[in-house]
């Protein structure tokens, strides 16, 4: 079983919410992100930024990311709320 961390990220009805650093390591290691609330999981859009890049890229749940630092932001078409994500890493 991989270790994991749980984060609650805010979203609003107007696109992506604030970003949060969800993975930091001295070396490049793999990690992946999943929405904990399966009922809305398919409706949540995730974008990630890897290793201080300037560009946000779309992310599919479960996709493997390799880097030293990963930032994440999410969007949800519903009401303003916090959405819980789990970040799996080695």
C-alpha atoms as a PDB file:
ATOM      1  CA  UNK A   1       0.000   0.000   0.000  1.00  0.00           C
ATOM      2  CA  UNK A   2       1.336   3.438  -0.933  1.00  0.00           C
ATOM      3  CA  UNK A   3       1.332   6.180   1.670  1.00  0.00           C
ATOM      4  CA  UNK A   4      -1.066   9.027   0.999  1.00  0.00           C
ATOM      5  CA  UNK A   5      -1.995  12.517   2.151  1.00  0.00           C
ATOM      6  CA  UNK A   6      -5.480  14.034   2.300  1.00  0.00           C
ATOM      7  CA  UNK A   7      -6.193  17.646   1.286  1.00  0.00           C
ATOM      8  CA  UNK A   8      -9.346  19.751   1.179  1.00  0.00           C
ATOM      9  CA  UNK A   9      -9.181  22.246  -1.676  1.00  0.00           C
ATOM     10  CA  UNK A  10     -11.655  25.104  -2.089  1.00  0.00           C
ATOM     11  CA  UNK A  11     -13.605  25.501  -5.323  1.00  0.00           C
ATOM     12  CA  UNK A  12     -16.026  28.152  -6.487  1.00  0.00           C
ATOM     13  CA  UNK A  13     -18.743  28.205  -9.103  1.00  0.00           C
ATOM     14  CA  UNK A  14     -16.512  30.360 -11.327  1.00  0.00           C
ATOM     15  CA  UNK A  15     -13.741  28.012 -12.445  1.00  0.00           C
ATOM     16  CA  UNK A  16     -10.638  26.813 -10.664  1.00  0.00           C
ATOM     17  CA  UNK A  17     -10.074  27.547  -7.007  1.00  0.00           C
ATOM     18  CA  UNK A  18      -6.814  28.453  -5.308  1.00  0.00           C
ATOM     19  CA  UNK A  19      -3.853  26.138  -5.823  1.00  0.00           C
ATOM     20  CA  UNK A  20      -2.178  24.069  -3.119  1.00  0.00           C
ATOM     21  CA  UNK A  21       1.148  22.296  -2.984  1.00  0.00           C
ATOM     22  CA  UNK A  22       0.220  18.620  -2.572  1.00  0.00           C
ATOM     23  CA  UNK A  23       3.580  16.871  -3.024  1.00  0.00           C
ATOM     24  CA  UNK A  24       7.174  17.864  -2.187  1.00  0.00           C
ATOM     25  CA  UNK A  25      10.289  15.690  -2.271  1.00  0.00           C
ATOM     26  CA  UNK A  26      14.058  16.133  -2.464  1.00  0.00           C
ATOM     27  CA  UNK A  27      14.147  13.643  -5.359  1.00  0.00           C
ATOM     28  CA  UNK A  28      11.768  13.007  -8.229  1.00  0.00           C
ATOM     29  CA  UNK A  29       9.182  10.439  -7.164  1.00  0.00           C
ATOM     30  CA  UNK A  30       5.848   9.346  -8.611  1.00  0.00           C
ATOM     31  CA  UNK A  31       2.503  10.392  -7.191  1.00  0.00           C
ATOM     32  CA  UNK A  32      -1.129  10.362  -8.279  1.00  0.00           C
ATOM     33  CA  UNK A  33      -4.268  12.235  -7.266  1.00  0.00           C
ATOM     34  CA  UNK A  34      -7.822  10.998  -6.693  1.00  0.00           C
ATOM     35  CA  UNK A  35     -11.037  12.747  -5.609  1.00  0.00           C
ATOM     36  CA  UNK A  36     -12.310  11.145  -2.395  1.00  0.00           C
ATOM     37  CA  UNK A  37     -16.021  11.875  -3.001  1.00  0.00           C
ATOM     38  CA  UNK A  38     -16.908   9.308  -5.673  1.00  0.00           C
ATOM     39  CA  UNK A  39     -20.369  10.811  -6.207  1.00  0.00           C
ATOM     40  CA  UNK A  40     -18.941  14.014  -7.722  1.00  0.00           C
ATOM     41  CA  UNK A  41     -15.532  12.642  -8.770  1.00  0.00           C
ATOM     42  CA  UNK A  42     -16.328  12.547 -12.483  1.00  0.00           C
ATOM     43  CA  UNK A  43     -17.483  16.183 -12.416  1.00  0.00           C
ATOM     44  CA  UNK A  44     -14.325  17.547 -10.763  1.00  0.00           C
ATOM     45  CA  UNK A  45     -11.690  18.984 -13.101  1.00  0.00           C
ATOM     46  CA  UNK A  46      -8.087  18.804 -11.904  1.00  0.00           C
ATOM     47  CA  UNK A  47      -5.089  20.749 -13.138  1.00  0.00           C
ATOM     48  CA  UNK A  48      -1.497  20.308 -11.957  1.00  0.00           C
ATOM     49  CA  UNK A  49       1.715  22.270 -12.120  1.00  0.00           C
ATOM     50  CA  UNK A  50       4.958  20.308 -11.880  1.00  0.00           C
ATOM     51  CA  UNK A  51       8.349  21.475 -10.544  1.00  0.00           C
ATOM     52  CA  UNK A  52       7.738  25.247 -10.668  1.00  0.00           C
ATOM     53  CA  UNK A  53       6.540  25.202 -14.286  1.00  0.00           C
ATOM     54  CA  UNK A  54       4.472  28.207 -15.340  1.00  0.00           C
ATOM     55  CA  UNK A  55       1.879  26.125 -17.181  1.00  0.00           C
ATOM     56  CA  UNK A  56      -1.113  24.342 -15.666  1.00  0.00           C
ATOM     57  CA  UNK A  57      -1.952  21.035 -17.364  1.00  0.00           C
ATOM     58  CA  UNK A  58      -5.178  19.033 -17.244  1.00  0.00           C
ATOM     59  CA  UNK A  59      -4.942  15.911 -15.113  1.00  0.00           C
ATOM     60  CA  UNK A  60      -6.947  12.673 -15.240  1.00  0.00           C
ATOM     61  CA  UNK A  61      -7.480  10.952 -11.898  1.00  0.00           C
ATOM     62  CA  UNK A  62      -4.994   8.153 -11.306  1.00  0.00           C
ATOM     63  CA  UNK A  63      -2.505   9.422 -13.896  1.00  0.00           C
ATOM     64  CA  UNK A  64       1.104   9.020 -12.716  1.00  0.00           C
ATOM     65  CA  UNK A  65       3.039  12.248 -12.108  1.00  0.00           C
ATOM     66  CA  UNK A  66       6.794  12.294 -11.531  1.00  0.00           C
ATOM     67  CA  UNK A  67       8.396  15.350  -9.973  1.00  0.00           C
ATOM     68  CA  UNK A  68       9.864  17.027  -6.926  1.00  0.00           C
ATOM     69  CA  UNK A  69       7.000  19.457  -6.381  1.00  0.00           C
ATOM     70  CA  UNK A  70       3.375  19.181  -7.507  1.00  0.00           C
ATOM     71  CA  UNK A  71       0.739  21.901  -7.160  1.00  0.00           C
ATOM     72  CA  UNK A  72      -2.926  21.170  -7.752  1.00  0.00           C
ATOM     73  CA  UNK A  73      -6.076  23.197  -8.355  1.00  0.00           C
ATOM     74  CA  UNK A  74      -9.591  21.968  -8.961  1.00  0.00           C
ATOM     75  CA  UNK A  75     -12.862  23.141 -10.454  1.00  0.00           C
ATOM     76  CA  UNK A  76     -16.372  21.845  -9.919  1.00  0.00           C
ATOM     77  CA  UNK A  77     -19.569  22.978 -11.615  1.00  0.00           C
ATOM     78  CA  UNK A  78     -21.609  22.800  -8.431  1.00  0.00           C
ATOM     79  CA  UNK A  79     -21.774  25.106  -5.461  1.00  0.00           C
ATOM     80  CA  UNK A  80     -18.862  26.749  -3.640  1.00  0.00           C
ATOM     81  CA  UNK A  81     -17.371  24.159  -1.285  1.00  0.00           C
ATOM     82  CA  UNK A  82     -14.225  22.263  -0.335  1.00  0.00           C
ATOM     83  CA  UNK A  83     -13.443  19.034  -2.154  1.00  0.00           C
ATOM     84  CA  UNK A  84     -11.297  16.334  -0.595  1.00  0.00           C
ATOM     85  CA  UNK A  85      -8.522  14.774  -2.656  1.00  0.00           C
ATOM     86  CA  UNK A  86      -6.054  12.029  -1.787  1.00  0.00           C
ATOM     87  CA  UNK A  87      -2.482  12.158  -3.077  1.00  0.00           C
ATOM     88  CA  UNK A  88      -0.749   8.766  -3.288  1.00  0.00           C
ATOM     89  CA  UNK A  89       3.059   8.688  -3.289  1.00  0.00           C
ATOM     90  CA  UNK A  90       6.024   6.427  -2.566  1.00  0.00           C
END
